[in-house]
Amino acid sequence: MNADILLISLLRGSVRKIYAFWIFKRKKLYVMSELNIGFNLLGKINSLRQSRTFLLFIVFMALLLDNILVTVVVPIIPDFLYEQQAEDAQRESKPTNVYAKYENYSIIPSNFTPAETEVPDIIENTVQKESVYIGVLFASKAIAQLITNPFVGPLTNRIGFHIPMFTGLSIMFISTLVFAFGESYGVLLTARMVQGIGSSASTVSGMGMLAQRYTDQEERGAAMGIALSGLAFGVLIGPPFGGFMYDFVGKESPFLVIAGLALLNGFLQLSVLDPGNDTNAVMEGAPLLQLLRDPYILIGAGMVDSTMLPLMGYLVDIRHVSVYGSVYAIADVAFCIGFAVGPSVSGELISVVGFPWMVRGMAFLNIIFAPLCIFLRNPPPKEDKQMILMNEELPITYVTAKQTDYHAVEDGEACD
């Protein structure tokens, strides 16, 4: 009997040990699998950080969302401001007694009608004010971006592109929420100007990162063309999207959708961009004033289109230091001048000379500027950059001059 009890207890102990060992192995396998998943995830994140294609997608999305926000207000703001101004005007105006000037007379003329009285035309005054307000609102973003660009360019030369890129997207996210819930003209104007500050940071940083990662001129041109297609798609999508959402859902709806997409792009930037390892942060670029004194860069800045951006990077490569923040700040300044001056001046020009003559004047200015582009066909490198380029074409001589092994130097001289 005692032997049976002892045998049962031994069996129970063995089963407990086997079960405990099985649980331990299972937990170990689970932990190892979790670690493997974590390592695989880190490996994928590292591979994405090295992927130029994913970087191009992030810049494309940033430009797309920025320009959707620029144009989504086109069908919304005029109607919204008109309603606001009309309500304010109706509240401020007092009812007019059309019979006031006849109140001392016992007989009112038979040919008198209220339509002949001088009653303020509220609707006409509201429309005139609305046109001015809309012009200022649309130009304010470009003006704020124009003022911010000279500071963003040199800043990217010091701290790199990643932090300003994410900061610009965060600012755009905040301005989008303000647009969604703003109810007064002053709030909307502030949101528009804040968006200009964010656009300056994201645009300059995005173009600089692409120029830094795509060093070949053909690849750089193709990459920037794809990135700038985000700008074109944003301008194309914004107005119909804004009008549809405003009519069927409400004023807040298009801005909330844009804010959600911006938040998603921000998560992608946080997971992929690595500010601590931004190599451009330790490189010193050419000063902004030095770039502004370069006539070739000034001519290139006048070409406000997609061909300008890869060209500006190429000019910096052959004539200055290959750090791109300041030069793309100059390019964006030129781009913003058009958006700032156009809405602000075009209304007055049309009232003075008419729309046809205004367009003819713009065509005449383009004809005058076009011959200057011939100088950009084969821009000469500066003397110091020319020596560097010549040394890069002769790597044997360059390496020999840098040798610390004197036997290698002697062998190289003997070969010569």
Protein backbone atom coordinates (compact mmCIF):
# COMPACT_ATOMS: atom_id res chain seq x y z
CA MET A 1 0.00 0.00 0.00
CA ASN A 2 2.79 2.39 0.93
CA ALA A 3 4.58 1.48 -2.28
CA ASP A 4 1.50 2.39 -4.34
CA ILE A 5 1.18 5.75 -2.60
CA LEU A 6 4.86 6.43 -3.15
CA LEU A 7 4.54 5.52 -6.84
CA ILE A 8 1.53 7.79 -7.29
CA SER A 9 3.31 10.69 -5.63
CA LEU A 10 6.35 10.16 -7.84
CA LEU A 11 4.13 10.13 -10.93
CA ARG A 12 2.41 13.32 -9.81
CA GLY A 13 5.74 15.01 -9.24
CA SER A 14 6.97 13.95 -12.66
CA VAL A 15 3.81 15.21 -14.32
CA ARG A 16 4.13 18.57 -12.52
CA LYS A 17 7.75 18.89 -13.63
CA ILE A 18 6.88 17.97 -17.21
CA TYR A 19 3.98 20.44 -17.20
CA ALA A 20 6.15 23.18 -15.66
CA PHE A 21 8.87 22.50 -18.22
CA TRP A 22 6.31 22.63 -21.03
CA ILE A 23 4.93 25.94 -19.73
CA PHE A 24 8.46 27.34 -19.49
CA LYS A 25 9.31 26.30 -23.04
CA ARG A 26 6.04 27.71 -24.29
CA LYS A 27 6.66 31.03 -22.60
CA LYS A 28 10.21 31.05 -23.91
CA LEU A 29 9.01 30.36 -27.44
CA TYR A 30 6.39 33.09 -27.06
CA VAL A 31 8.98 35.59 -25.83
CA MET A 32 11.36 34.60 -28.62
CA SER A 33 8.62 34.98 -31.20
CA GLU A 34 7.74 38.40 -29.79
CA LEU A 35 11.39 39.40 -29.92
CA ASN A 36 11.64 38.16 -33.48
CA ILE A 37 8.56 40.17 -34.41
CA GLY A 38 10.09 43.21 -32.74
CA PHE A 39 13.41 42.74 -34.50
CA ASN A 40 11.64 42.23 -37.82
CA LEU A 41 9.62 45.40 -37.22
CA LEU A 42 12.76 47.36 -36.40
CA GLY A 43 14.42 45.94 -39.48
CA LYS A 44 11.51 47.02 -41.64
CA ILE A 45 11.56 50.51 -40.09
CA ASN A 46 15.30 50.77 -40.73
CA SER A 47 14.80 49.65 -44.32
CA LEU A 48 12.06 52.26 -44.74
CA ARG A 49 14.40 54.89 -43.36
CA GLN A 50 16.86 54.00 -46.08
CA SER A 51 14.18 53.85 -48.77
CA ARG A 52 14.21 56.82 -51.11
CA THR A 53 10.84 55.77 -52.52
CA PHE A 54 9.15 55.97 -49.12
CA LEU A 55 10.75 59.36 -48.49
CA LEU A 56 9.38 60.51 -51.83
CA PHE A 57 5.91 59.29 -50.79
CA ILE A 58 6.09 61.29 -47.53
CA VAL A 59 7.07 64.48 -49.37
CA PHE A 60 4.37 63.84 -51.98
CA MET A 61 1.72 63.47 -49.26
CA ALA A 62 2.90 66.62 -47.46
CA LEU A 63 2.62 68.73 -50.62
CA LEU A 64 -0.69 67.10 -51.54
CA LEU A 65 -2.33 67.85 -48.19
CA ASP A 66 -0.92 71.36 -48.04
CA ASN A 67 -2.32 72.29 -51.43
CA ILE A 68 -5.66 70.58 -50.82
CA LEU A 69 -5.96 72.82 -47.77
CA VAL A 70 -4.95 75.82 -49.91
CA THR A 71 -7.70 75.24 -52.49
CA VAL A 72 -10.42 73.51 -50.45
CA VAL A 73 -11.42 76.89 -49.06
CA VAL A 74 -12.15 78.32 -52.53
CA PRO A 75 -15.82 77.22 -52.67
CA ILE A 76 -16.33 77.44 -48.90
CA ILE A 77 -14.95 80.75 -47.70
CA PRO A 78 -16.77 83.13 -50.12
CA ASP A 79 -20.19 81.72 -49.24
CA PHE A 80 -19.32 81.49 -45.54
CA LEU A 81 -18.04 85.07 -45.38
CA TYR A 82 -21.00 86.35 -47.36
CA GLU A 83 -23.40 84.86 -44.84
CA GLN A 84 -21.35 86.26 -41.96
CA GLN A 85 -21.17 89.76 -43.46
CA ALA A 86 -24.84 89.79 -44.42
CA GLU A 87 -25.91 88.81 -40.91
CA ASP A 88 -23.66 91.46 -39.37
CA ALA A 89 -24.95 94.11 -41.75
CA GLN A 90 -28.57 93.24 -41.03
CA ARG A 91 -27.97 93.39 -37.30
CA GLU A 92 -26.18 96.74 -37.51
CA SER A 93 -28.65 98.40 -39.89
CA LYS A 94 -31.74 100.06 -38.41
CA PRO A 95 -35.15 99.86 -40.06
CA THR A 96 -35.70 102.91 -42.28
CA ASN A 97 -38.97 104.82 -42.05
CA VAL A 98 -39.63 105.56 -45.70
CA TYR A 99 -42.37 108.05 -44.75
CA ALA A 100 -40.14 110.03 -42.36
CA LYS A 101 -39.62 113.08 -44.56
CA TYR A 102 -43.38 113.41 -45.07
CA GLU A 103 -44.37 113.05 -41.44
CA ASN A 104 -45.03 116.83 -41.13
CA TYR A 105 -47.34 116.79 -44.13
CA SER A 106 -50.98 115.89 -43.96
CA ILE A 107 -51.04 114.57 -47.49
CA ILE A 108 -48.46 112.19 -48.95
CA PRO A 109 -47.89 112.65 -52.70
CA SER A 110 -49.74 110.11 -54.79
CA ASN A 111 -46.70 109.35 -56.92
CA PHE A 112 -44.54 108.46 -53.87
CA THR A 113 -43.35 104.86 -53.53
CA PRO A 114 -40.92 103.43 -50.94
CA ALA A 115 -38.61 102.29 -53.75
CA GLU A 116 -37.70 105.92 -54.44
CA THR A 117 -36.20 106.43 -51.01
CA GLU A 118 -32.48 106.20 -50.40
CA VAL A 119 -32.26 102.87 -48.58
CA PRO A 120 -28.71 101.38 -48.13
CA ASP A 121 -28.06 98.48 -50.45
CA ILE A 122 -26.85 95.95 -47.91
CA ILE A 123 -26.19 93.17 -50.39
CA GLU A 124 -24.02 95.30 -52.70
CA ASN A 125 -21.91 96.62 -49.84
CA THR A 126 -21.53 93.11 -48.47
CA VAL A 127 -20.30 91.75 -51.80
CA GLN A 128 -17.72 94.53 -52.13
CA LYS A 129 -16.39 93.92 -48.64
CA GLU A 130 -16.37 90.19 -49.22
CA SER A 131 -14.18 90.54 -52.34
CA VAL A 132 -11.57 92.49 -50.39
CA TYR A 133 -11.64 90.06 -47.48
CA ILE A 134 -11.27 87.03 -49.74
CA GLY A 135 -8.32 88.57 -51.58
CA VAL A 136 -6.52 89.31 -48.32
CA LEU A 137 -7.33 85.86 -46.95
CA PHE A 138 -5.97 84.04 -49.98
CA ALA A 139 -2.83 86.20 -50.14
CA SER A 140 -2.07 85.98 -46.41
CA LYS A 141 -0.80 82.40 -46.61
CA ALA A 142 1.73 83.25 -49.30
CA ILE A 143 2.83 86.39 -47.45
CA ALA A 144 3.44 84.46 -44.22
CA GLN A 145 5.29 81.76 -46.16
CA LEU A 146 7.33 84.43 -47.94
CA ILE A 147 8.42 85.97 -44.64
CA THR A 148 9.23 82.62 -43.02
CA ASN A 149 11.31 81.10 -45.82
CA PRO A 150 14.52 83.12 -45.24
CA PHE A 151 14.60 81.80 -41.68
CA VAL A 152 13.71 78.17 -42.48
CA GLY A 153 16.42 77.73 -45.12
CA PRO A 154 19.45 78.51 -42.91
CA LEU A 155 17.77 76.65 -40.02
CA THR A 156 17.68 73.42 -42.03
CA ASN A 157 21.39 73.84 -42.75
CA ARG A 158 22.02 73.72 -39.00
CA ILE A 159 19.59 71.15 -37.64
CA GLY A 160 18.75 69.13 -40.75
CA PHE A 161 15.51 68.57 -42.62
CA HIS A 162 13.64 66.06 -40.47
CA ILE A 163 12.66 68.25 -37.52
CA PRO A 164 11.41 71.17 -39.67
CA MET A 165 9.53 68.71 -41.89
CA PHE A 166 7.60 67.26 -38.97
CA THR A 167 7.12 70.69 -37.38
CA GLY A 168 5.64 72.05 -40.59
CA LEU A 169 3.17 69.17 -40.79
CA SER A 170 2.18 69.68 -37.15
CA ILE A 171 1.56 73.38 -37.76
CA MET A 172 -0.56 72.55 -40.79
CA PHE A 173 -2.58 70.08 -38.68
CA ILE A 174 -3.32 72.80 -36.11
CA SER A 175 -4.30 75.34 -38.76
CA THR A 176 -6.65 72.79 -40.34
CA LEU A 177 -8.49 72.32 -37.06
CA VAL A 178 -8.75 76.09 -36.65
CA PHE A 179 -10.24 76.31 -40.15
CA ALA A 180 -12.75 73.62 -39.23
CA PHE A 181 -14.09 75.32 -36.11
CA GLY A 182 -13.33 79.00 -36.78
CA GLU A 183 -16.42 81.20 -37.00
CA SER A 184 -14.99 84.69 -37.58
CA TYR A 185 -12.91 86.27 -40.30
CA GLY A 186 -10.06 87.08 -37.91
CA VAL A 187 -9.76 83.46 -36.81
CA LEU A 188 -9.75 82.22 -40.41
CA LEU A 189 -7.12 84.79 -41.37
CA THR A 190 -4.93 83.67 -38.48
CA ALA A 191 -5.32 80.03 -39.50
CA ARG A 192 -4.34 80.89 -43.06
CA MET A 193 -1.18 82.68 -41.95
CA VAL A 194 -0.27 79.84 -39.59
CA GLN A 195 -0.66 77.45 -42.51
CA GLY A 196 1.85 79.56 -44.46
CA ILE A 197 4.44 79.11 -41.70
CA GLY A 198 3.93 75.34 -41.74
CA SER A 199 4.05 75.22 -45.53
CA SER A 200 7.37 77.02 -45.53
CA ALA A 201 8.94 74.45 -43.20
CA SER A 202 7.54 71.38 -44.97
CA THR A 203 8.17 72.57 -48.53
CA VAL A 204 11.78 73.68 -48.01
CA SER A 205 12.59 70.57 -45.95
CA GLY A 206 10.87 68.20 -48.36
CA MET A 207 12.66 69.52 -51.44
CA GLY A 208 15.95 69.59 -49.55
CA MET A 209 15.62 65.96 -48.47
CA LEU A 210 14.88 64.85 -52.02
CA ALA A 211 17.87 66.79 -53.38
CA GLN A 212 20.06 65.24 -50.68
CA ARG A 213 18.93 61.64 -51.30
CA TYR A 214 18.70 61.81 -55.11
CA THR A 215 22.17 62.92 -56.18
CA ASP A 216 21.92 61.92 -59.84
CA GLN A 217 20.45 64.78 -61.88
CA GLU A 218 18.05 62.62 -63.87
CA GLU A 219 16.81 60.79 -60.79
CA ARG A 220 16.50 64.07 -58.90
CA GLY A 221 14.45 65.63 -61.67
CA ALA A 222 12.13 62.62 -61.84
CA ALA A 223 11.71 62.49 -58.05
CA MET A 224 10.91 66.19 -57.76
CA GLY A 225 8.49 65.91 -60.66
CA ILE A 226 6.63 63.15 -58.78
CA ALA A 227 6.68 65.16 -55.54
CA LEU A 228 5.38 68.29 -57.27
CA SER A 229 2.58 66.27 -58.82
CA GLY A 230 1.23 66.23 -55.26
CA LEU A 231 0.99 70.01 -55.53
CA ALA A 232 -0.87 69.73 -58.83
CA PHE A 233 -3.24 67.03 -57.54
CA GLY A 234 -3.92 69.09 -54.42
CA VAL A 235 -4.89 72.14 -56.48
CA LEU A 236 -7.07 69.90 -58.67
CA ILE A 237 -8.80 67.95 -55.89
CA GLY A 238 -9.30 70.73 -53.35
CA PRO A 239 -12.14 72.82 -54.87
CA PRO A 240 -14.53 69.98 -55.88
CA PHE A 241 -13.83 68.11 -52.65
CA GLY A 242 -14.44 71.21 -50.55
CA GLY A 243 -17.60 72.17 -52.40
CA PHE A 244 -19.10 68.68 -52.19
CA MET A 245 -18.38 68.25 -48.48
CA TYR A 246 -19.56 71.77 -47.65
CA ASP A 247 -22.90 71.32 -49.44
CA PHE A 248 -23.75 67.82 -48.23
CA VAL A 249 -21.98 67.44 -44.87
CA GLY A 250 -21.00 70.83 -43.46
CA LYS A 251 -18.22 73.38 -43.22
CA GLU A 252 -16.13 71.38 -40.76
CA SER A 253 -16.13 68.10 -42.70
CA PRO A 254 -13.46 68.72 -45.39
CA PHE A 255 -11.04 70.18 -42.87
CA LEU A 256 -11.48 67.26 -40.49
CA VAL A 257 -10.74 64.80 -43.32
CA ILE A 258 -7.56 66.73 -44.19
CA ALA A 259 -6.58 66.83 -40.51
CA GLY A 260 -6.99 63.04 -40.27
CA LEU A 261 -4.77 62.48 -43.31
CA ALA A 262 -2.19 64.91 -41.91
CA LEU A 263 -2.20 62.98 -38.64
CA LEU A 264 -1.57 59.74 -40.55
CA ASN A 265 1.30 61.33 -42.45
CA GLY A 266 2.70 62.56 -39.14
CA PHE A 267 2.78 59.01 -37.76
CA LEU A 268 4.62 57.88 -40.88
CA GLN A 269 7.17 60.65 -40.43
CA LEU A 270 7.69 59.79 -36.77
CA SER A 271 8.26 56.13 -37.59
CA VAL A 272 10.57 56.70 -40.55
CA LEU A 273 12.38 60.02 -40.14
CA ASP A 274 15.28 59.94 -37.70
CA PRO A 275 16.32 63.44 -36.61
CA GLY A 276 19.21 62.12 -34.50
CA ASN A 277 20.91 60.65 -37.56
CA ASP A 278 20.27 63.51 -39.96
CA THR A 279 23.65 63.90 -41.65
CA ASN A 280 22.72 67.24 -43.16
CA ALA A 281 22.57 68.72 -39.66
CA VAL A 282 26.37 68.76 -39.37
CA MET A 283 27.01 70.29 -42.81
CA GLU A 284 27.47 74.02 -43.31
CA GLY A 285 25.87 75.41 -46.44
CA ALA A 286 26.47 78.58 -48.39
CA PRO A 287 25.08 81.74 -46.72
CA LEU A 288 21.76 83.00 -47.99
CA LEU A 289 23.19 86.33 -49.15
CA GLN A 290 25.91 84.55 -51.11
CA LEU A 291 23.28 82.54 -52.97
CA LEU A 292 21.26 85.70 -53.65
CA ARG A 293 24.34 87.29 -55.26
CA ASP A 294 24.60 84.41 -57.73
CA PRO A 295 22.95 85.58 -60.99
CA TYR A 296 22.29 82.03 -62.15
CA ILE A 297 20.31 81.23 -59.01
CA LEU A 298 18.31 84.44 -59.42
CA ILE A 299 17.45 83.52 -63.01
CA GLY A 300 16.53 80.01 -61.91
CA ALA A 301 14.30 81.39 -59.16
CA GLY A 302 12.36 83.29 -61.80
CA MET A 303 11.30 80.02 -63.41
CA VAL A 304 8.41 79.33 -61.10
CA ASP A 305 7.54 75.83 -62.27
CA SER A 306 8.55 72.22 -61.69
CA THR A 307 11.75 72.52 -63.77
CA MET A 308 13.12 75.13 -61.39
CA LEU A 309 13.54 72.92 -58.32
CA PRO A 310 15.97 70.27 -59.67
CA LEU A 311 17.82 73.06 -61.47
CA MET A 312 18.34 74.98 -58.21
CA GLY A 313 19.86 71.89 -56.62
CA TYR A 314 22.16 71.44 -59.60
CA LEU A 315 23.32 75.07 -59.41
CA VAL A 316 24.21 74.64 -55.74
CA ASP A 317 26.10 71.43 -56.55
CA ILE A 318 28.34 73.03 -59.18
CA ARG A 319 28.68 76.56 -57.79
CA HIS A 320 28.36 76.29 -54.00
CA VAL A 321 28.22 73.73 -51.19
CA SER A 322 25.81 70.82 -51.74
CA VAL A 323 23.50 71.79 -48.88
CA TYR A 324 20.07 72.66 -50.14
CA GLY A 325 18.01 74.36 -47.43
CA SER A 326 18.77 77.97 -48.32
CA VAL A 327 18.49 77.55 -52.08
CA TYR A 328 15.06 75.95 -51.81
CA ALA A 329 14.03 78.72 -49.45
CA ILE A 330 14.90 81.17 -52.26
CA ALA A 331 12.93 79.07 -54.74
CA ASP A 332 9.91 78.98 -52.46
CA VAL A 333 10.15 82.74 -51.90
CA ALA A 334 9.91 83.26 -55.66
CA PHE A 335 6.97 80.88 -55.79
CA CYS A 336 5.18 82.70 -52.96
CA ILE A 337 5.70 86.15 -54.45
CA GLY A 338 3.42 85.18 -57.31
CA PHE A 339 0.69 83.91 -54.96
CA ALA A 340 1.04 86.96 -52.70
CA VAL A 341 1.13 89.66 -55.39
CA GLY A 342 -1.45 88.08 -57.70
CA PRO A 343 -4.52 88.12 -55.42
CA SER A 344 -3.49 91.45 -53.86
CA VAL A 345 -2.88 93.44 -57.05
CA SER A 346 -4.95 91.77 -59.75
CA GLY A 347 -8.25 93.29 -58.60
CA GLU A 348 -6.94 96.85 -58.80
CA LEU A 349 -5.21 96.17 -62.13
CA ILE A 350 -8.40 94.81 -63.66
CA SER A 351 -10.35 97.87 -62.51
CA VAL A 352 -7.72 100.21 -64.02
CA VAL A 353 -6.62 98.54 -67.27
CA GLY A 354 -9.09 95.66 -67.64
CA PHE A 355 -8.54 91.91 -67.64
CA PRO A 356 -7.34 91.57 -71.29
CA TRP A 357 -4.59 94.17 -70.87
CA MET A 358 -3.50 92.69 -67.57
CA VAL A 359 -3.02 89.30 -69.27
CA ARG A 360 -1.17 90.95 -72.16
CA GLY A 361 1.15 92.64 -69.69
CA MET A 362 1.95 89.30 -68.03
CA ALA A 363 2.67 87.78 -71.44
CA PHE A 364 5.00 90.66 -72.25
CA LEU A 365 6.94 90.14 -69.00
CA ASN A 366 7.30 86.43 -69.78
CA ILE A 367 8.65 87.23 -73.25
CA ILE A 368 11.24 89.59 -71.74
CA PHE A 369 12.33 87.01 -69.17
CA ALA A 370 12.49 84.01 -71.52
CA PRO A 371 15.87 84.86 -73.20
CA LEU A 372 17.58 84.82 -69.78
CA CYS A 373 16.94 81.07 -69.57
CA ILE A 374 19.63 80.58 -72.24
CA PHE A 375 22.25 81.25 -69.54
CA LEU A 376 20.98 78.21 -67.63
CA ARG A 377 21.61 75.85 -70.53
CA ASN A 378 25.21 75.25 -69.47
CA PRO A 379 25.95 77.23 -66.27
CA PRO A 380 29.67 77.42 -65.46
CA PRO A 381 30.92 76.09 -62.11
CA LYS A 382 32.90 78.39 -59.87
CA GLU A 383 36.67 78.02 -59.83
CA ASP A 384 36.94 76.20 -56.50
CA LYS A 385 34.09 73.85 -57.42
CA GLN A 386 35.64 73.31 -60.84
CA MET A 387 38.86 72.06 -59.23
CA ILE A 388 36.84 69.66 -57.05
CA LEU A 389 34.97 68.36 -60.09
CA MET A 390 38.23 67.88 -61.99
CA ASN A 391 39.68 65.93 -59.07
CA GLU A 392 36.58 63.77 -58.96
CA GLU A 393 37.15 62.94 -62.63
CA LEU A 394 40.74 61.86 -61.79
CA PRO A 395 40.36 59.71 -58.66
CA ILE A 396 43.90 58.23 -58.85
CA THR A 397 45.57 61.61 -58.48
CA TYR A 398 43.14 62.59 -55.71
CA VAL A 399 43.74 59.41 -53.69
CA THR A 400 47.53 59.65 -54.13
CA ALA A 401 47.55 63.16 -52.73
CA LYS A 402 45.68 61.95 -49.65
CA GLN A 403 47.90 58.93 -48.94
CA THR A 404 49.69 58.65 -45.60
CA ASP A 405 51.64 55.60 -46.75
CA TYR A 406 54.76 57.03 -48.38
CA HIS A 407 55.51 53.81 -50.21
CA ALA A 408 52.13 54.04 -51.90
CA VAL A 409 52.89 57.64 -52.88
CA GLU A 410 56.25 56.65 -54.36
CA ASP A 411 54.66 53.79 -56.25
CA GLY A 412 52.05 56.18 -57.61
CA GLU A 413 54.75 58.65 -58.72
CA ALA A 414 56.72 55.83 -60.32
CA CYS A 415 53.65 54.79 -62.27
CA ASP A 416 53.28 58.37 -63.49
